[in-house]
Amino acid sequence: MHCVSVCVRGDWFRVPIGVPSPSIRSLGSAALQRHRRGKNLERDESEFVVRRCRGGELLDHDDCAAAILDHNDFIQLILADEDDELGFSPLATSVPDYQEPTEFLSLDGNSLTTADLVALGQGLFKVKLTPEAVDRVIKCRAVIDGFLKEGKGVGSPLSVERTRMLLVQRINVLAKGYSGISMETLDDIIKAFNASCLSWVPEKGTLGASGDLAPLAHLALGLMGEGRMWSPQSGWAQAKAVLEGHGLKPLVLKPKEGLALINGTQMISSLGAEAVERALAIARQADVVAALTLEALRGSVRPFHPAIHAVKPHPGQKEVAERLCALLDSPVFPSQISESHRSCNRVQDAYTLRCIPQVHGIVNDTIKFVQMIISTEMNSATDNPLVFAEMNEVISGGNFHGEYPAKALDYLAIGVHELANLSERRIERLMNPPLSELPAFLVQDGGLNSGFMIAHCTAAALVSESKALCHPSSVDSLSTSAATEDHVSMGGWAARKALTIVEHVEQVLAIELLAACQALEFLRPLETTAPLERVYRLVRSVVSAWDKDRIMSHDIEVAHTLLRQQKVWAEIQPYMDKYRNKMKE
């Protein structure tokens, strides 16, 4: 016999489906009867429709329930006298299809990477603890239990993907074995993660010291069966019903476990990890987009000569210069466009072309520095007080303070913004005939068609907004908690700003990618290098050339998706490897 969860006027009921299976109408009537019994309501024959929570489709009353509904499915009964809207909604269109993962990623509290965290946020893995982590947790809890017996005081007790990241980070920190949580409670939290039962967590409300109290409190609230919770089967529903629908029980916290769940910097570092991973992806693709623009503007490859960068050997600068050399005209990948202007009398290119390695380079180095800080924070014990089993002591401290990730994410925002700063200036050069020697706004019949003019305005607006957002959050502080928390990091705002700026960078570079490919149309039949032609064909497979005005928002969105999914990088990576191998010969 299997059961389904049925919502009637905001109340949830577990209704068994026996043999023979009832119809959808009979199942709904049984749930309605339970609702009326619980409310002491008189029986009536109200009409209703039945909607599946996952996907939101209406169900036919005459269908066999067992044939239509899965075990532990969630459905909503909508009565004739009420709106088709209760205290939750079916899956939002912004939530991707969820396939339950089969592989596990082991957590030990020490080795979680930003890439791991983003993959877990995307629902690609379940989690389990290493035996060493289990041992540490048990030993740490034994200290708390011992103190309780001795009468010692121990204190009083965001998108779906980002909430997954927040929850798994909390599990990872608890796995370090310094929080005093019981293995039973931690097992229950892991089960909730593996079932993708995710609490409703507000995006705003953290000062970043004492940690991310407000969002982590909401995270714990759902696990305790209070508030709202999401799962792939239920959509947003009452937390207790979602947990019970997955065969889970709400947490019943033991001493110290409340503090263990709400104290820490996991909100900051979850959003920070996403910002780092997206920044890494867009930074290397920015080199590819810049190379396309340089070709379209018939720039020189000489500024990227290895000898120049050997005498200013910043790692990021050298990396970008090597990338540009692999993409642009070379004996390995010759360019007809480059050959066509080899004897031109231009002395030097504008800085946004000539200085790409120097500017993009520091962005690369910045991202790697911030990744180190965030990775350390992700694998740190950040709640308070901390339990040291080897010393048999509980010590209060300040590891919950988010200054490290806050400062680092302010730095990331300032650094990655420069990719868009340069990109917008290169777009302007592509638009401007005296600078580009191309048709105005990259379109024929410029008096009739505006071409890329408005797209450039969009890029300029995004860059301008990002400049304001680059003001560091972590220089601010407000005293709270009766002056006990008299310095705070503002790390939550730093993380959200960094993510916003990264997204702006992606969007500006998407516009430059479209503009550079459009510019190449006016240089045909000449071709650029093999790797850049590959990128051009990728773009043209989803966006046609611009011959007259059309709505451009879709084109920008598609180009943005190519960059978000790292498809531009995937196209050129084999060529990069081939170039390196040839140069070693």
Protein backbone atom coordinates (compact mmCIF):
# COMPACT_ATOMS: atom_id res chain seq x y z
CA MET A 1 0.00 0.00 0.00
CA HIS A 2 1.35 3.42 -0.81
CA CYS A 3 0.34 6.88 0.39
CA VAL A 4 0.03 10.35 -1.05
CA SER A 5 0.00 13.75 0.68
CA VAL A 6 -3.13 15.79 0.00
CA CYS A 7 -3.54 19.50 0.78
CA VAL A 8 -7.08 20.71 1.62
CA ARG A 9 -7.46 24.41 2.47
CA GLY A 10 -3.86 24.57 3.69
CA ASP A 11 -4.07 21.41 5.83
CA TRP A 12 -2.11 18.31 4.82
CA PHE A 13 -3.26 14.70 5.10
CA ARG A 14 -1.53 11.40 4.37
CA VAL A 15 -4.06 9.29 2.48
CA PRO A 16 -3.32 5.61 1.76
CA ILE A 17 -4.06 4.09 -1.64
CA GLY A 18 -5.20 0.54 -1.05
CA VAL A 19 -6.13 -2.34 -3.34
CA PRO A 20 -8.17 -2.01 -5.41
CA SER A 21 -6.99 1.52 -6.07
CA PRO A 22 -9.59 4.31 -5.73
CA SER A 23 -10.24 6.88 -8.41
CA ILE A 24 -8.81 10.37 -8.14
CA ARG A 25 -12.33 11.54 -7.17
CA SER A 26 -12.58 8.98 -4.33
CA LEU A 27 -9.11 9.87 -3.11
CA GLY A 28 -10.02 13.55 -3.03
CA SER A 29 -13.30 12.80 -1.23
CA ALA A 30 -11.42 10.82 1.43
CA ALA A 31 -9.04 13.73 2.03
CA LEU A 32 -11.96 16.18 2.14
CA GLN A 33 -13.72 13.99 4.72
CA ARG A 34 -10.60 13.97 6.92
CA HIS A 35 -10.38 17.74 6.65
CA ARG A 36 -14.00 18.20 7.73
CA ARG A 37 -13.62 15.75 10.61
CA GLY A 38 -10.58 17.63 11.88
CA LYS A 39 -12.40 20.98 11.67
CA ASN A 40 -15.75 19.64 12.98
CA LEU A 41 -17.44 20.82 9.80
CA GLU A 42 -20.78 19.61 8.50
CA ARG A 43 -20.63 17.30 5.53
CA ASP A 44 -21.52 18.78 2.16
CA GLU A 45 -20.99 17.83 -1.43
CA SER A 46 -18.60 20.58 -2.53
CA GLU A 47 -17.14 20.17 -5.96
CA PHE A 48 -13.39 20.17 -6.26
CA VAL A 49 -10.58 19.72 -8.74
CA VAL A 50 -7.31 17.92 -8.03
CA ARG A 51 -3.94 19.31 -9.04
CA ARG A 52 -0.58 17.60 -8.77
CA CYS A 53 1.90 19.82 -6.92
CA ARG A 54 4.86 18.72 -9.02
CA GLY A 55 4.26 20.22 -12.45
CA GLY A 56 0.85 21.66 -11.56
CA GLU A 57 -1.26 19.56 -13.96
CA LEU A 58 -4.95 18.93 -13.27
CA LEU A 59 -5.90 15.28 -12.72
CA ASP A 60 -8.95 13.56 -14.19
CA HIS A 61 -11.45 12.46 -11.53
CA ASP A 62 -12.09 9.10 -13.18
CA ASP A 63 -8.45 8.03 -13.48
CA CYS A 64 -7.11 5.30 -11.22
CA ALA A 65 -5.07 6.96 -8.44
CA ALA A 66 -2.40 4.25 -8.31
CA ALA A 67 -1.83 4.54 -12.07
CA ILE A 68 -1.48 8.34 -11.98
CA LEU A 69 0.25 9.05 -8.67
CA ASP A 70 3.64 7.94 -7.43
CA HIS A 71 4.32 6.76 -3.90
CA ASN A 72 4.68 9.81 -1.62
CA ASP A 73 3.29 12.09 -4.33
CA PHE A 74 1.80 15.48 -3.33
CA ILE A 75 -1.54 16.75 -4.62
CA GLN A 76 -3.74 19.76 -3.92
CA LEU A 77 -7.52 19.76 -3.60
CA ILE A 78 -9.09 23.01 -4.84
CA LEU A 79 -12.70 23.48 -3.73
CA ALA A 80 -15.27 25.31 -5.79
CA ASP A 81 -15.46 28.23 -3.36
CA GLU A 82 -11.75 28.99 -3.20
CA ASP A 83 -9.08 30.36 -5.49
CA ASP A 84 -6.63 27.96 -7.07
CA GLU A 85 -3.96 29.27 -4.76
CA LEU A 86 -3.12 28.07 -1.25
CA GLY A 87 -0.12 28.62 0.97
CA PHE A 88 2.24 27.17 -1.59
CA SER A 89 2.67 27.05 -5.32
CA PRO A 90 3.49 24.26 -7.77
CA LEU A 91 7.02 24.15 -9.04
CA ALA A 92 8.12 27.51 -10.37
CA THR A 93 9.27 27.56 -13.96
CA SER A 94 12.65 28.85 -12.78
CA VAL A 95 13.34 25.56 -10.96
CA PRO A 96 15.04 23.09 -13.31
CA ASP A 97 13.82 19.52 -13.69
CA TYR A 98 15.20 17.49 -10.82
CA GLN A 99 16.61 14.02 -11.29
CA GLU A 100 17.44 12.29 -8.02
CA PRO A 101 21.20 11.65 -8.00
CA THR A 102 22.64 8.18 -7.48
CA GLU A 103 26.24 9.10 -6.65
CA PHE A 104 27.45 10.22 -3.22
CA LEU A 105 30.02 12.84 -2.29
CA SER A 106 31.75 12.25 1.05
CA LEU A 107 32.00 15.15 3.50
CA ASP A 108 34.69 15.40 6.15
CA GLY A 109 34.51 19.08 7.10
CA ASN A 110 37.90 19.84 5.57
CA SER A 111 38.04 19.25 1.82
CA LEU A 112 34.84 20.65 0.26
CA THR A 113 35.69 22.75 -2.81
CA THR A 114 33.74 25.56 -4.44
CA ALA A 115 33.19 23.34 -7.49
CA ASP A 116 31.89 20.54 -5.25
CA LEU A 117 29.51 22.95 -3.54
CA VAL A 118 28.04 24.27 -6.80
CA ALA A 119 27.60 20.69 -8.09
CA LEU A 120 25.79 19.77 -4.86
CA GLY A 121 23.63 22.87 -5.22
CA GLN A 122 22.65 21.66 -8.69
CA GLY A 123 21.52 18.36 -7.18
CA LEU A 124 24.20 16.22 -8.85
CA PHE A 125 25.17 14.27 -5.72
CA LYS A 126 23.81 12.97 -2.45
CA VAL A 127 26.09 13.26 0.58
CA LYS A 128 27.45 11.02 3.30
CA LEU A 129 30.05 11.47 6.02
CA THR A 130 33.46 9.87 6.09
CA PRO A 131 34.03 7.43 8.98
CA GLU A 132 36.54 9.90 10.45
CA ALA A 133 33.93 12.65 10.47
CA VAL A 134 31.40 10.40 12.18
CA ASP A 135 33.97 9.57 14.85
CA ARG A 136 34.72 13.26 15.47
CA VAL A 137 31.04 14.14 15.74
CA ILE A 138 30.40 11.36 18.25
CA LYS A 139 33.40 12.36 20.39
CA CYS A 140 32.38 16.01 20.32
CA ARG A 141 28.79 15.20 21.35
CA ALA A 142 30.10 13.08 24.21
CA VAL A 143 31.70 16.21 25.67
CA ILE A 144 28.35 18.03 25.63
CA ASP A 145 26.56 15.05 27.18
CA GLY A 146 29.23 14.85 29.87
CA PHE A 147 28.84 18.53 30.70
CA LEU A 148 25.08 18.10 30.99
CA LYS A 149 25.51 15.29 33.47
CA GLU A 150 27.89 17.44 35.50
CA GLY A 151 25.48 20.38 35.41
CA LYS A 152 27.81 22.73 33.46
CA GLY A 153 26.12 25.49 31.44
CA VAL A 154 26.46 25.30 27.60
CA GLY A 155 24.40 28.33 26.57
CA SER A 156 20.84 28.55 25.38
CA PRO A 157 19.67 26.89 22.92
CA LEU A 158 17.51 31.05 -0.58
CA SER A 159 16.72 29.72 -5.18
CA VAL A 160 16.54 25.95 -4.62
CA GLU A 161 20.16 25.47 -5.75
CA ARG A 162 21.48 28.03 -3.26
CA THR A 163 19.50 26.49 -0.41
CA ARG A 164 21.01 23.12 -1.27
CA MET A 165 24.43 24.73 -1.09
CA LEU A 166 23.61 26.34 2.25
CA LEU A 167 22.35 23.06 3.72
CA VAL A 168 25.26 20.93 2.53
CA GLN A 169 27.72 23.51 3.84
CA ARG A 170 26.08 23.29 7.23
CA ILE A 171 26.43 19.50 7.11
CA ASN A 172 30.10 19.84 6.16
CA VAL A 173 30.84 22.21 9.05
CA LEU A 174 29.01 19.98 11.52
CA ALA A 175 31.05 17.06 10.19
CA LYS A 176 34.22 18.73 11.47
CA GLY A 177 33.19 17.60 14.94
CA TYR A 178 33.47 20.86 16.89
CA SER A 179 29.78 21.80 17.16
CA GLY A 180 28.45 19.35 19.73
CA ILE A 181 25.65 18.06 17.50
CA SER A 182 24.49 14.47 17.96
CA MET A 183 25.06 11.92 15.22
CA GLU A 184 21.32 11.20 15.26
CA THR A 185 20.44 14.82 14.44
CA LEU A 186 23.17 15.09 11.82
CA ASP A 187 21.93 11.88 10.17
CA ASP A 188 18.43 13.36 10.00
CA ILE A 189 19.79 16.52 8.34
CA ILE A 190 21.71 14.43 5.79
CA LYS A 191 18.53 12.47 5.01
CA ALA A 192 16.69 15.74 4.39
CA PHE A 193 19.42 16.91 2.00
CA ASN A 194 19.47 13.61 0.12
CA ALA A 195 15.68 13.80 -0.29
CA SER A 196 16.07 17.42 -1.46
CA CYS A 197 13.79 18.72 1.31
CA LEU A 198 14.83 22.35 1.48
CA SER A 199 13.68 25.04 3.91
CA TRP A 200 12.44 28.47 2.87
CA VAL A 201 15.40 30.78 3.59
CA PRO A 202 15.22 34.57 3.07
CA GLU A 203 17.91 36.08 0.91
CA LYS A 204 18.35 39.16 3.09
CA GLY A 205 18.75 39.67 6.80
CA THR A 206 22.29 38.67 7.73
CA LEU A 207 24.95 41.02 9.12
CA GLY A 208 27.65 38.40 8.82
CA ALA A 209 28.32 38.33 12.61
CA SER A 210 27.27 36.49 14.73
CA GLY A 211 27.39 34.60 11.52
CA ASP A 212 24.36 34.29 9.26
CA LEU A 213 21.90 33.95 12.12
CA ALA A 214 18.65 34.84 10.34
CA PRO A 215 19.03 32.67 7.21
CA LEU A 216 20.47 29.75 9.18
CA ALA A 217 17.58 30.01 11.65
CA HIS A 218 15.15 29.69 8.73
CA LEU A 219 17.14 26.71 7.45
CA ALA A 220 16.80 25.02 10.85
CA LEU A 221 13.13 26.02 11.12
CA GLY A 222 12.11 23.95 8.12
CA LEU A 223 14.09 20.94 9.36
CA MET A 224 12.13 21.24 12.61
CA GLY A 225 8.85 21.00 10.66
CA GLU A 226 7.95 24.68 10.89
CA GLY A 227 7.46 27.20 8.10
CA ARG A 228 7.68 26.30 4.42
CA MET A 229 9.79 23.75 2.60
CA TRP A 230 10.39 22.65 -1.00
CA SER A 231 10.95 19.24 -2.49
CA PRO A 232 10.79 18.05 -6.11
CA GLN A 233 7.62 16.11 -5.30
CA SER A 234 5.74 18.77 -3.35
CA GLY A 235 6.88 22.14 -4.62
CA TRP A 236 6.52 24.71 -1.81
CA ALA A 237 4.39 23.36 1.01
CA GLN A 238 4.22 23.18 4.80
CA ALA A 239 7.53 21.88 6.12
CA LYS A 240 6.03 19.18 8.33
CA ALA A 241 3.99 17.76 5.46
CA VAL A 242 6.99 17.73 3.12
CA LEU A 243 9.15 15.93 5.67
CA GLU A 244 6.44 13.40 6.48
CA GLY A 245 5.75 12.89 2.79
CA HIS A 246 9.35 11.74 2.43
CA GLY A 247 9.21 9.52 5.49
CA LEU A 248 11.22 11.98 7.62
CA LYS A 249 10.55 13.34 11.08
CA PRO A 250 11.03 16.96 12.16
CA LEU A 251 14.19 17.53 14.17
CA VAL A 252 13.88 17.52 17.95
CA LEU A 253 16.94 19.41 19.10
CA LYS A 254 19.10 18.42 22.03
CA PRO A 255 21.13 20.86 24.18
CA LYS A 256 23.64 23.00 22.18
CA GLU A 257 22.19 21.82 18.84
CA GLY A 258 20.18 25.00 18.31
CA LEU A 259 23.35 27.09 18.41
CA ALA A 260 25.14 24.54 16.23
CA LEU A 261 22.52 25.01 13.50
CA ILE A 262 22.18 28.80 13.44
CA ASN A 263 25.71 30.12 14.07
CA GLY A 264 28.15 30.35 11.16
CA THR A 265 29.05 31.97 7.85
CA GLN A 266 27.49 29.45 5.48
CA MET A 267 25.15 31.93 3.73
CA ILE A 268 28.08 34.18 2.85
CA SER A 269 30.31 31.36 1.68
CA SER A 270 27.53 29.57 -0.26
CA LEU A 271 26.76 32.64 -2.35
CA GLY A 272 30.50 33.40 -2.44
CA ALA A 273 31.29 29.96 -3.83
CA GLU A 274 28.76 30.43 -6.62
CA ALA A 275 30.21 33.86 -7.39
CA VAL A 276 33.73 32.39 -7.54
CA GLU A 277 32.78 29.53 -9.84
CA ARG A 278 30.83 31.78 -12.19
CA ALA A 279 33.65 34.33 -12.15
CA LEU A 280 36.18 31.61 -13.07
CA ALA A 281 33.99 30.56 -15.99
CA ILE A 282 33.35 34.03 -17.38
CA ALA A 283 36.93 35.24 -16.91
CA ARG A 284 38.45 32.64 -19.22
CA GLN A 285 35.64 33.06 -21.76
CA ALA A 286 36.20 36.83 -21.63
CA ASP A 287 39.60 36.17 -23.24
CA VAL A 288 37.88 34.36 -26.10
CA VAL A 289 35.34 37.14 -26.64
CA ALA A 290 38.09 39.77 -26.51
CA ALA A 291 40.09 37.83 -29.10
CA LEU A 292 37.07 37.82 -31.43
CA THR A 293 36.72 41.59 -31.07
CA LEU A 294 40.42 42.15 -31.63
CA GLU A 295 40.19 40.19 -34.89
CA ALA A 296 37.09 42.11 -35.98
CA LEU A 297 38.90 45.40 -35.27
CA ARG A 298 42.02 44.07 -37.03
CA GLY A 299 44.21 44.53 -33.99
CA SER A 300 47.81 43.44 -33.57
CA VAL A 301 48.92 40.19 -31.93
CA ARG A 302 52.38 41.61 -31.08
CA PRO A 303 51.42 42.88 -27.58
CA PHE A 304 50.85 39.25 -26.53
CA HIS A 305 54.38 38.08 -27.36
CA PRO A 306 55.69 35.86 -24.50
CA ALA A 307 58.81 38.02 -24.10
CA ILE A 308 56.69 40.98 -22.95
CA HIS A 309 54.94 39.00 -20.23
CA ALA A 310 58.05 37.16 -19.10
CA VAL A 311 59.43 40.45 -17.77
CA LYS A 312 56.22 41.21 -15.84
CA PRO A 313 55.53 37.65 -14.69
CA HIS A 314 52.22 37.90 -12.87
CA PRO A 315 50.60 34.44 -13.22
CA GLY A 316 47.23 35.72 -14.45
CA GLN A 317 48.82 38.07 -17.00
CA LYS A 318 50.97 35.29 -18.46
CA GLU A 319 47.97 32.94 -18.56
CA VAL A 320 45.81 35.41 -20.50
CA ALA A 321 48.62 36.28 -22.93
CA GLU A 322 49.21 32.58 -23.65
CA ARG A 323 45.50 32.11 -24.24
CA LEU A 324 45.37 34.99 -26.71
CA CYS A 325 48.40 33.68 -28.55
CA ALA A 326 46.66 30.32 -28.92
CA LEU A 327 43.47 31.91 -30.23
CA LEU A 328 44.87 34.58 -32.57
CA ASP A 329 47.02 34.42 -35.69
CA SER A 330 49.92 31.99 -35.34
CA PRO A 331 51.74 29.33 -37.37
CA VAL A 332 49.44 26.80 -35.71
CA PHE A 333 46.19 28.66 -36.45
CA PRO A 334 46.69 31.28 -39.20
CA SER A 335 44.14 34.03 -39.77
CA GLN A 336 43.18 35.43 -43.16
CA ILE A 337 41.90 38.56 -41.45
CA SER A 338 45.22 39.13 -39.71
CA GLU A 339 47.12 38.51 -42.95
CA SER A 340 44.98 41.08 -44.75
CA HIS A 341 46.26 43.97 -42.58
CA ARG A 342 49.79 42.80 -41.86
CA SER A 343 51.32 45.76 -43.72
CA CYS A 344 49.03 48.45 -42.30
CA ASN A 345 50.61 51.57 -40.77
CA ARG A 346 48.82 51.44 -37.40
CA VAL A 347 51.41 51.78 -34.63
CA GLN A 348 49.53 50.64 -31.54
CA ASP A 349 46.03 49.52 -30.56
CA ALA A 350 43.82 51.05 -27.88
CA TYR A 351 44.42 49.92 -24.32
CA THR A 352 41.25 47.81 -24.23
CA LEU A 353 42.86 45.64 -26.92
CA ARG A 354 46.58 45.98 -26.21
CA CYS A 355 46.32 45.61 -22.41
CA ILE A 356 43.94 42.66 -22.23
CA PRO A 357 46.54 40.43 -20.48
CA GLN A 358 47.37 43.06 -17.88
CA VAL A 359 43.71 43.77 -16.99
CA HIS A 360 42.17 40.33 -17.47
CA GLY A 361 45.23 38.90 -15.76
CA ILE A 362 44.68 40.57 -12.41
CA VAL A 363 41.03 39.46 -12.57
CA ASN A 364 42.24 35.85 -12.86
CA ASP A 365 44.62 36.26 -9.93
CA THR A 366 41.92 37.97 -7.87
CA ILE A 367 39.46 35.14 -8.44
CA LYS A 368 42.02 32.53 -7.42
CA PHE A 369 42.85 34.46 -4.25
CA VAL A 370 39.17 34.75 -3.33
CA GLN A 371 38.61 31.08 -4.12
CA MET A 372 41.31 30.22 -1.57
CA ILE A 373 39.61 32.35 1.11
CA ILE A 374 36.14 30.97 0.40
CA SER A 375 37.40 27.37 0.30
CA THR A 376 39.04 27.84 3.69
CA GLU A 377 35.87 29.40 5.10
CA MET A 378 33.75 26.56 3.73
CA ASN A 379 35.85 24.03 5.61
CA SER A 380 36.09 25.96 8.89
CA ALA A 381 34.30 25.52 12.22
CA THR A 382 32.33 28.76 12.41
CA ASP A 383 29.72 28.31 15.12
CA ASN A 384 29.99 29.26 18.78
CA PRO A 385 30.83 28.00 21.31
CA LEU A 386 33.14 25.32 19.92
CA VAL A 387 33.62 21.93 21.51
CA PHE A 388 37.15 20.50 21.68
CA ALA A 389 36.80 16.82 22.50
CA GLU A 390 40.53 16.27 22.84
CA MET A 391 40.66 18.95 25.57
CA ASN A 392 37.23 18.14 27.04
CA GLU A 393 36.39 21.83 26.85
CA VAL A 394 33.77 24.13 25.39
CA ILE A 395 35.24 27.51 24.42
CA SER A 396 33.43 30.63 23.22
CA GLY A 397 35.14 32.62 20.49
CA GLY A 398 34.49 34.58 17.31
CA ASN A 399 34.85 32.19 14.36
CA PHE A 400 31.31 33.14 13.33
CA HIS A 401 32.56 36.55 12.19
CA GLY A 402 32.33 36.85 8.41
CA GLU A 403 35.07 39.42 7.82
CA TYR A 404 37.29 37.07 5.82
CA PRO A 405 34.74 36.13 3.15
CA ALA A 406 33.20 39.63 3.23
CA LYS A 407 36.48 41.38 2.44
CA ALA A 408 37.39 38.76 -0.17
CA LEU A 409 34.02 39.06 -1.94
CA ASP A 410 34.29 42.85 -2.03
CA TYR A 411 37.65 42.31 -3.71
CA LEU A 412 36.12 39.81 -6.15
CA ALA A 413 33.40 42.31 -7.11
CA ILE A 414 35.94 45.05 -7.82
CA GLY A 415 38.17 42.69 -9.76
CA VAL A 416 35.65 40.89 -11.95
CA HIS A 417 33.89 44.16 -12.80
CA GLU A 418 36.89 45.18 -14.92
CA LEU A 419 36.01 42.47 -17.44
CA ALA A 420 32.77 44.32 -18.17
CA ASN A 421 34.52 47.70 -18.04
CA LEU A 422 36.85 46.68 -20.86
CA SER A 423 34.14 44.81 -22.72
CA GLU A 424 31.82 47.82 -22.88
CA ARG A 425 34.63 49.97 -24.30
CA ARG A 426 35.39 47.35 -26.95
CA ILE A 427 31.68 47.23 -27.86
CA GLU A 428 31.77 51.01 -28.30
CA ARG A 429 34.76 50.68 -30.64
CA LEU A 430 32.88 48.11 -32.70
CA MET A 431 29.90 50.50 -33.01
CA ASN A 432 31.92 53.57 -33.97
CA PRO A 433 32.94 53.77 -37.68
CA PRO A 434 35.98 56.08 -37.17
CA LEU A 435 37.36 53.54 -34.70
CA SER A 436 36.23 50.31 -36.34
CA GLU A 437 36.14 51.08 -40.09
CA LEU A 438 32.89 49.12 -40.03
CA PRO A 439 29.29 50.26 -40.67
CA ALA A 440 27.75 52.32 -37.88
CA PHE A 441 26.16 50.15 -35.18
CA LEU A 442 27.19 47.06 -37.16
CA VAL A 443 24.27 47.13 -39.55
CA GLN A 444 23.66 48.14 -43.14
CA ASP A 445 21.13 50.90 -43.79
CA GLY A 446 22.06 52.56 -40.51
CA GLY A 447 19.60 55.40 -40.98
CA LEU A 448 16.76 52.92 -41.07
CA ASN A 449 18.07 50.32 -38.62
CA SER A 450 19.54 51.02 -35.19
CA GLY A 451 21.54 47.79 -35.15
CA PHE A 452 23.53 47.25 -31.97
CA MET A 453 23.08 50.80 -30.69
CA ILE A 454 20.56 49.89 -27.96
CA ALA A 455 22.49 46.74 -27.07
CA HIS A 456 25.50 48.95 -26.39
CA CYS A 457 23.31 51.21 -24.24
CA THR A 458 22.30 48.13 -22.23
CA ALA A 459 25.93 47.18 -21.72
CA ALA A 460 26.79 50.72 -20.61
CA ALA A 461 23.89 50.73 -18.14
CA LEU A 462 24.97 47.41 -16.62
CA VAL A 463 28.54 48.63 -16.25
CA SER A 464 27.39 51.86 -14.63
CA GLU A 465 25.21 49.99 -12.14
CA SER A 466 28.09 47.66 -11.31
CA LYS A 467 30.38 50.60 -10.60
CA ALA A 468 28.03 51.67 -7.81
CA LEU A 469 27.78 48.09 -6.54
CA CYS A 470 31.58 47.88 -6.37
CA HIS A 471 31.56 50.08 -3.27
CA PRO A 472 32.75 47.63 -0.59
CA SER A 473 30.13 46.38 1.85
CA SER A 474 32.65 45.31 4.47
CA VAL A 475 33.72 48.88 5.28
CA ASP A 476 30.31 49.34 6.89
CA SER A 477 29.28 48.11 10.34
CA LEU A 478 26.32 48.58 12.66
CA SER A 479 26.28 47.77 16.35
CA THR A 480 23.58 45.25 17.34
CA SER A 481 22.58 43.05 20.27
CA ALA A 482 22.98 45.78 22.88
CA ALA A 483 26.52 46.55 21.68
CA THR A 484 27.72 42.96 22.20
CA GLU A 485 27.86 42.50 18.42
CA ASP A 486 29.47 45.89 17.96
CA HIS A 487 31.31 45.08 14.72
CA VAL A 488 29.76 43.12 11.87
CA SER A 489 31.06 42.14 8.43
CA MET A 490 28.05 42.84 6.17
CA GLY A 491 29.22 39.72 4.34
CA GLY A 492 25.77 38.69 3.13
CA TRP A 493 25.43 41.92 1.16
CA ALA A 494 29.01 41.55 -0.10
CA ALA A 495 28.16 38.09 -1.45
CA ARG A 496 24.90 39.18 -3.09
CA LYS A 497 26.57 42.21 -4.68
CA ALA A 498 29.40 40.06 -6.01
CA LEU A 499 26.90 37.69 -7.61
CA THR A 500 24.99 40.58 -9.18
CA ILE A 501 28.20 42.02 -10.65
CA VAL A 502 29.25 38.63 -12.00
CA GLU A 503 25.89 38.34 -13.75
CA HIS A 504 26.29 41.83 -15.21
CA VAL A 505 29.72 40.84 -16.51
CA GLU A 506 28.22 37.76 -18.16
CA GLN A 507 25.51 39.86 -19.82
CA VAL A 508 27.91 42.54 -21.09
CA LEU A 509 30.24 39.90 -22.54
CA ALA A 510 27.22 38.22 -24.17
CA ILE A 511 26.53 41.51 -25.96
CA GLU A 512 30.18 41.80 -27.00
CA LEU A 513 30.13 38.22 -28.27
CA LEU A 514 27.14 39.01 -30.50
CA ALA A 515 28.68 42.28 -31.68
CA ALA A 516 32.04 40.69 -32.52
CA CYS A 517 30.38 37.93 -34.55
CA GLN A 518 28.29 40.55 -36.34
CA ALA A 519 31.43 42.55 -37.11
CA LEU A 520 33.02 39.49 -38.72
CA GLU A 521 30.14 39.42 -41.23
CA PHE A 522 31.53 42.63 -42.78
CA LEU A 523 35.00 41.08 -43.22
CA ARG A 524 33.84 38.05 -45.17
CA PRO A 525 34.93 36.11 -47.15
CA LEU A 526 38.06 36.42 -44.99
CA GLU A 527 38.18 34.01 -42.08
CA THR A 528 39.69 34.29 -38.64
CA THR A 529 41.58 31.48 -36.89
CA ALA A 530 40.17 27.96 -36.60
CA PRO A 531 39.26 28.25 -32.88
CA LEU A 532 37.57 31.62 -33.32
CA GLU A 533 35.69 30.41 -36.39
CA ARG A 534 34.45 27.57 -34.20
CA VAL A 535 33.08 30.08 -31.70
CA TYR A 536 31.50 32.08 -34.54
CA ARG A 537 29.71 28.94 -35.80
CA LEU A 538 28.51 28.15 -32.27
CA VAL A 539 26.92 31.60 -31.99
CA ARG A 540 25.41 31.38 -35.46
CA SER A 541 23.87 28.01 -34.59
CA VAL A 542 21.56 29.84 -32.16
CA VAL A 543 21.56 33.48 -33.32
CA SER A 544 21.34 34.55 -36.97
CA ALA A 545 23.27 37.47 -38.43
CA TRP A 546 21.74 40.92 -38.00
CA ASP A 547 20.45 42.29 -41.31
CA LYS A 548 17.64 44.50 -40.07
CA ASP A 549 16.17 45.50 -36.72
CA ARG A 550 14.52 42.82 -34.61
CA ILE A 551 13.92 42.26 -30.92
CA MET A 552 17.38 41.65 -29.48
CA SER A 553 16.55 40.56 -25.93
CA HIS A 554 16.21 36.93 -26.98
CA ASP A 555 19.57 36.99 -28.78
CA ILE A 556 21.29 38.44 -25.71
CA GLU A 557 19.65 35.85 -23.48
CA VAL A 558 20.78 33.01 -25.74
CA ALA A 559 24.35 34.33 -25.86
CA HIS A 560 24.29 34.72 -22.08
CA THR A 561 23.22 31.08 -21.80
CA LEU A 562 26.14 29.98 -23.98
CA LEU A 563 28.51 31.70 -21.58
CA ARG A 564 26.74 30.46 -18.42
CA GLN A 565 26.93 26.90 -19.70
CA GLN A 566 30.60 27.44 -20.68
CA LYS A 567 29.92 26.32 -24.23
CA VAL A 568 32.23 28.97 -25.67
CA TRP A 569 35.08 27.59 -23.57
CA ALA A 570 34.21 24.01 -24.53
CA GLU A 571 34.49 24.93 -28.22
CA ILE A 572 38.00 26.34 -28.01
CA GLN A 573 39.56 24.10 -25.37
CA PRO A 574 40.70 21.36 -27.83
CA TYR A 575 42.41 24.06 -29.92
CA MET A 576 44.18 25.42 -26.87
CA ASP A 577 45.55 21.97 -26.12
CA LYS A 578 46.64 21.52 -29.73
CA TYR A 579 48.42 24.89 -29.71
CA ARG A 580 50.34 24.07 -26.52
CA ASN A 581 51.39 20.69 -27.85
CA LYS A 582 52.60 22.20 -31.13
CA MET A 583 54.57 24.91 -29.36
CA LYS A 584 56.36 22.28 -27.26
CA GLU A 585 57.57 20.43 -30.36
